[in-house]
Amino acid sequence: MRRLVVRITAIGGLVAALLAAGTGVATGIAWPIVVLRAALALLIVVLMGAGIGLILMRTVLRRYYEQRHVPSGDRHVRADR
């Protein structure tokens, strides 16, 4: 699961950077600004991917520990929290 999140984040970051650079070049903005916008778009997507990865890992760990500590007769995950 973690590899999938990293892969999707990397692809999404590259796509966002290319779109930001492409729109900057198409509108005739100076090169330093185009590079800055592309880097900023990449950074935003990477930070979002890292946040989503942390949330997913927290959920997986919580479910793992809940299943581990539940008596053997009651194996479903409790959703009352």
N, C-alpha and C. Protein backbone atom coordinates (compact mmCIF):
# COMPACT_ATOMS: atom_id res chain seq x y z
N MET A 1 0.83 -1.19 0.00
CA MET A 1 0.00 0.00 0.00
C MET A 1 0.87 1.26 0.00
N ARG A 2 1.94 1.20 0.79
CA ARG A 2 2.82 2.37 0.88
C ARG A 2 3.49 2.66 -0.47
N ARG A 3 3.91 1.60 -1.16
CA ARG A 3 4.52 1.80 -2.48
C ARG A 3 3.55 2.44 -3.46
N LEU A 4 2.30 2.04 -3.38
CA LEU A 4 1.28 2.61 -4.26
C LEU A 4 1.10 4.10 -3.99
N VAL A 5 1.05 4.49 -2.73
CA VAL A 5 0.90 5.90 -2.38
C VAL A 5 2.11 6.70 -2.86
N VAL A 6 3.31 6.15 -2.69
CA VAL A 6 4.52 6.84 -3.13
C VAL A 6 4.53 6.98 -4.64
N ARG A 7 4.14 5.91 -5.34
CA ARG A 7 4.13 5.94 -6.81
C ARG A 7 3.11 6.95 -7.33
N ILE A 8 1.91 6.93 -6.76
CA ILE A 8 0.88 7.88 -7.21
C ILE A 8 1.29 9.31 -6.89
N THR A 9 1.92 9.52 -5.74
CA THR A 9 2.38 10.85 -5.37
C THR A 9 3.46 11.34 -6.34
N ALA A 10 4.40 10.48 -6.68
CA ALA A 10 5.46 10.87 -7.61
C ALA A 10 4.90 11.21 -8.99
N ILE A 11 4.00 10.39 -9.47
CA ILE A 11 3.41 10.65 -10.79
C ILE A 11 2.57 11.93 -10.76
N GLY A 12 1.78 12.08 -9.71
CA GLY A 12 0.97 13.30 -9.58
C GLY A 12 1.82 14.55 -9.46
N GLY A 13 2.92 14.47 -8.73
CA GLY A 13 3.82 15.61 -8.60
C GLY A 13 4.46 16.00 -9.93
N LEU A 14 4.89 15.00 -10.68
CA LEU A 14 5.47 15.29 -12.00
C LEU A 14 4.44 15.89 -12.95
N VAL A 15 3.23 15.36 -12.92
CA VAL A 15 2.17 15.91 -13.78
C VAL A 15 1.86 17.35 -13.40
N ALA A 16 1.77 17.62 -12.10
CA ALA A 16 1.49 18.99 -11.65
C ALA A 16 2.62 19.93 -12.04
N ALA A 17 3.87 19.48 -11.90
CA ALA A 17 5.01 20.32 -12.28
C ALA A 17 5.01 20.59 -13.78
N LEU A 18 4.74 19.56 -14.58
CA LEU A 18 4.70 19.76 -16.03
C LEU A 18 3.56 20.69 -16.45
N LEU A 19 2.40 20.54 -15.82
CA LEU A 19 1.28 21.44 -16.15
C LEU A 19 1.60 22.88 -15.76
N ALA A 20 2.19 23.07 -14.59
CA ALA A 20 2.54 24.42 -14.15
C ALA A 20 3.59 25.03 -15.08
N ALA A 21 4.59 24.23 -15.46
CA ALA A 21 5.62 24.74 -16.37
C ALA A 21 5.04 25.01 -17.75
N GLY A 22 4.18 24.12 -18.21
CA GLY A 22 3.57 24.30 -19.53
C GLY A 22 2.72 25.55 -19.62
N THR A 23 1.92 25.80 -18.61
CA THR A 23 1.09 27.02 -18.64
C THR A 23 1.96 28.27 -18.49
N GLY A 24 3.04 28.16 -17.74
CA GLY A 24 3.94 29.31 -17.61
C GLY A 24 4.64 29.64 -18.92
N VAL A 25 5.10 28.62 -19.62
CA VAL A 25 5.76 28.83 -20.91
C VAL A 25 4.76 29.33 -21.94
N ALA A 26 3.55 28.79 -21.92
CA ALA A 26 2.54 29.19 -22.90
C ALA A 26 2.13 30.65 -22.73
N THR A 27 2.16 31.16 -21.51
CA THR A 27 1.77 32.55 -21.28
C THR A 27 2.95 33.51 -21.37
N GLY A 28 4.15 32.99 -21.55
CA GLY A 28 5.31 33.84 -21.75
C GLY A 28 5.92 34.41 -20.48
N ILE A 29 5.82 33.71 -19.39
CA ILE A 29 6.39 34.16 -18.13
C ILE A 29 7.90 33.87 -18.14
N ALA A 30 8.65 34.65 -17.39
CA ALA A 30 10.11 34.48 -17.31
C ALA A 30 10.45 33.10 -16.75
N TRP A 31 11.59 32.54 -17.19
CA TRP A 31 11.99 31.19 -16.82
C TRP A 31 12.15 30.96 -15.32
N PRO A 32 12.73 31.92 -14.58
CA PRO A 32 12.84 31.65 -13.13
C PRO A 32 11.48 31.48 -12.45
N ILE A 33 10.49 32.22 -12.92
CA ILE A 33 9.15 32.10 -12.34
C ILE A 33 8.51 30.78 -12.73
N VAL A 34 8.75 30.34 -13.96
CA VAL A 34 8.22 29.05 -14.42
C VAL A 34 8.80 27.93 -13.56
N VAL A 35 10.11 27.97 -13.32
CA VAL A 35 10.76 26.93 -12.51
C VAL A 35 10.23 26.99 -11.08
N LEU A 36 10.07 28.19 -10.54
CA LEU A 36 9.55 28.34 -9.18
C LEU A 36 8.13 27.78 -9.05
N ARG A 37 7.29 28.08 -10.01
CA ARG A 37 5.91 27.57 -9.98
C ARG A 37 5.87 26.04 -10.10
N ALA A 38 6.71 25.49 -10.98
CA ALA A 38 6.75 24.04 -11.14
C ALA A 38 7.24 23.37 -9.85
N ALA A 39 8.27 23.94 -9.24
CA ALA A 39 8.78 23.39 -7.99
C ALA A 39 7.75 23.49 -6.87
N LEU A 40 7.03 24.59 -6.83
CA LEU A 40 5.99 24.77 -5.82
C LEU A 40 4.85 23.76 -6.02
N ALA A 41 4.44 23.55 -7.26
CA ALA A 41 3.39 22.56 -7.54
C ALA A 41 3.85 21.16 -7.13
N LEU A 42 5.10 20.82 -7.43
CA LEU A 42 5.64 19.52 -7.04
C LEU A 42 5.68 19.38 -5.53
N LEU A 43 6.10 20.41 -4.84
CA LEU A 43 6.18 20.38 -3.38
C LEU A 43 4.81 20.21 -2.74
N ILE A 44 3.82 20.91 -3.26
CA ILE A 44 2.46 20.81 -2.70
C ILE A 44 1.93 19.39 -2.85
N VAL A 45 2.11 18.79 -4.02
CA VAL A 45 1.61 17.44 -4.24
C VAL A 45 2.36 16.43 -3.38
N VAL A 46 3.66 16.60 -3.22
CA VAL A 46 4.44 15.68 -2.38
C VAL A 46 4.01 15.80 -0.92
N LEU A 47 3.78 17.00 -0.44
CA LEU A 47 3.33 17.16 0.94
C LEU A 47 1.95 16.56 1.16
N MET A 48 1.06 16.72 0.18
CA MET A 48 -0.26 16.10 0.29
C MET A 48 -0.15 14.59 0.30
N GLY A 49 0.71 14.03 -0.53
CA GLY A 49 0.91 12.59 -0.56
C GLY A 49 1.48 12.07 0.75
N ALA A 50 2.40 12.82 1.34
CA ALA A 50 2.96 12.41 2.62
C ALA A 50 1.89 12.43 3.71
N GLY A 51 1.04 13.43 3.71
CA GLY A 51 -0.05 13.50 4.69
C GLY A 51 -1.04 12.36 4.53
N ILE A 52 -1.39 12.06 3.30
CA ILE A 52 -2.31 10.95 3.04
C ILE A 52 -1.67 9.63 3.45
N GLY A 53 -0.37 9.48 3.18
CA GLY A 53 0.33 8.27 3.59
C GLY A 53 0.34 8.09 5.10
N LEU A 54 0.53 9.19 5.84
CA LEU A 54 0.51 9.10 7.29
C LEU A 54 -0.87 8.69 7.81
N ILE A 55 -1.91 9.25 7.21
CA ILE A 55 -3.27 8.91 7.62
C ILE A 55 -3.57 7.43 7.34
N LEU A 56 -3.15 6.96 6.16
CA LEU A 56 -3.38 5.55 5.82
C LEU A 56 -2.61 4.61 6.75
N MET A 57 -1.37 4.95 7.06
CA MET A 57 -0.58 4.09 7.95
C MET A 57 -1.17 4.09 9.36
N ARG A 58 -1.67 5.21 9.82
CA ARG A 58 -2.30 5.28 11.13
C ARG A 58 -3.53 4.38 11.18
N THR A 59 -4.32 4.42 10.12
CA THR A 59 -5.53 3.59 10.06
C THR A 59 -5.17 2.11 10.04
N VAL A 60 -4.18 1.75 9.24
CA VAL A 60 -3.77 0.34 9.16
C VAL A 60 -3.24 -0.14 10.51
N LEU A 61 -2.41 0.65 11.16
CA LEU A 61 -1.88 0.25 12.46
C LEU A 61 -2.98 0.13 13.51
N ARG A 62 -3.93 1.07 13.48
CA ARG A 62 -5.03 1.00 14.44
C ARG A 62 -5.82 -0.28 14.26
N ARG A 63 -6.14 -0.61 13.01
CA ARG A 63 -6.89 -1.84 12.75
C ARG A 63 -6.10 -3.07 13.14
N TYR A 64 -4.81 -3.05 12.90
CA TYR A 64 -3.97 -4.19 13.26
C TYR A 64 -3.98 -4.40 14.77
N TYR A 65 -3.79 -3.34 15.53
CA TYR A 65 -3.75 -3.49 16.98
C TYR A 65 -5.13 -3.79 17.57
N GLU A 66 -6.19 -3.29 16.96
CA GLU A 66 -7.52 -3.63 17.43
C GLU A 66 -7.82 -5.10 17.20
N GLN A 67 -7.46 -5.64 16.07
CA GLN A 67 -7.68 -7.06 15.80
C GLN A 67 -6.80 -7.94 16.68
N ARG A 68 -5.66 -7.46 17.00
CA ARG A 68 -4.73 -8.23 17.82
C ARG A 68 -5.20 -8.35 19.26
N HIS A 69 -5.88 -7.31 19.77
CA HIS A 69 -6.28 -7.29 21.16
C HIS A 69 -7.75 -7.66 21.38
N VAL A 70 -8.48 -7.97 20.32
CA VAL A 70 -9.89 -8.37 20.44
C VAL A 70 -9.93 -9.86 20.76
N PRO A 71 -10.81 -10.29 21.65
CA PRO A 71 -10.92 -11.73 21.92
C PRO A 71 -11.21 -12.51 20.65
N SER A 72 -10.83 -13.77 20.62
CA SER A 72 -10.89 -14.56 19.39
C SER A 72 -12.32 -14.75 18.86
N GLY A 73 -13.34 -14.66 19.71
CA GLY A 73 -14.71 -14.83 19.26
C GLY A 73 -15.26 -13.62 18.53
N ASP A 74 -14.67 -12.45 18.72
CA ASP A 74 -15.17 -11.20 18.15
C ASP A 74 -14.06 -10.57 17.31
N ARG A 75 -13.97 -10.94 16.01
CA ARG A 75 -12.87 -10.52 15.15
C ARG A 75 -13.16 -9.26 14.33
N HIS A 76 -14.35 -8.70 14.37
CA HIS A 76 -14.63 -7.52 13.56
C HIS A 76 -14.03 -6.28 14.22
N VAL A 77 -13.70 -5.30 13.39
CA VAL A 77 -13.10 -4.06 13.89
C VAL A 77 -14.19 -3.20 14.47
N ARG A 78 -13.96 -2.68 15.62
CA ARG A 78 -14.97 -1.83 16.26
C ARG A 78 -14.90 -0.42 15.70
N ALA A 79 -16.04 0.11 15.32
CA ALA A 79 -16.08 1.43 14.71
C ALA A 79 -16.75 2.45 15.63
N ASP A 80 -16.74 2.23 16.91
CA ASP A 80 -17.42 3.15 17.81
C ASP A 80 -16.50 4.24 18.35
N ARG A 81 -15.31 4.36 17.80
CA ARG A 81 -14.39 5.42 18.26
C ARG A 81 -14.47 6.64 17.42
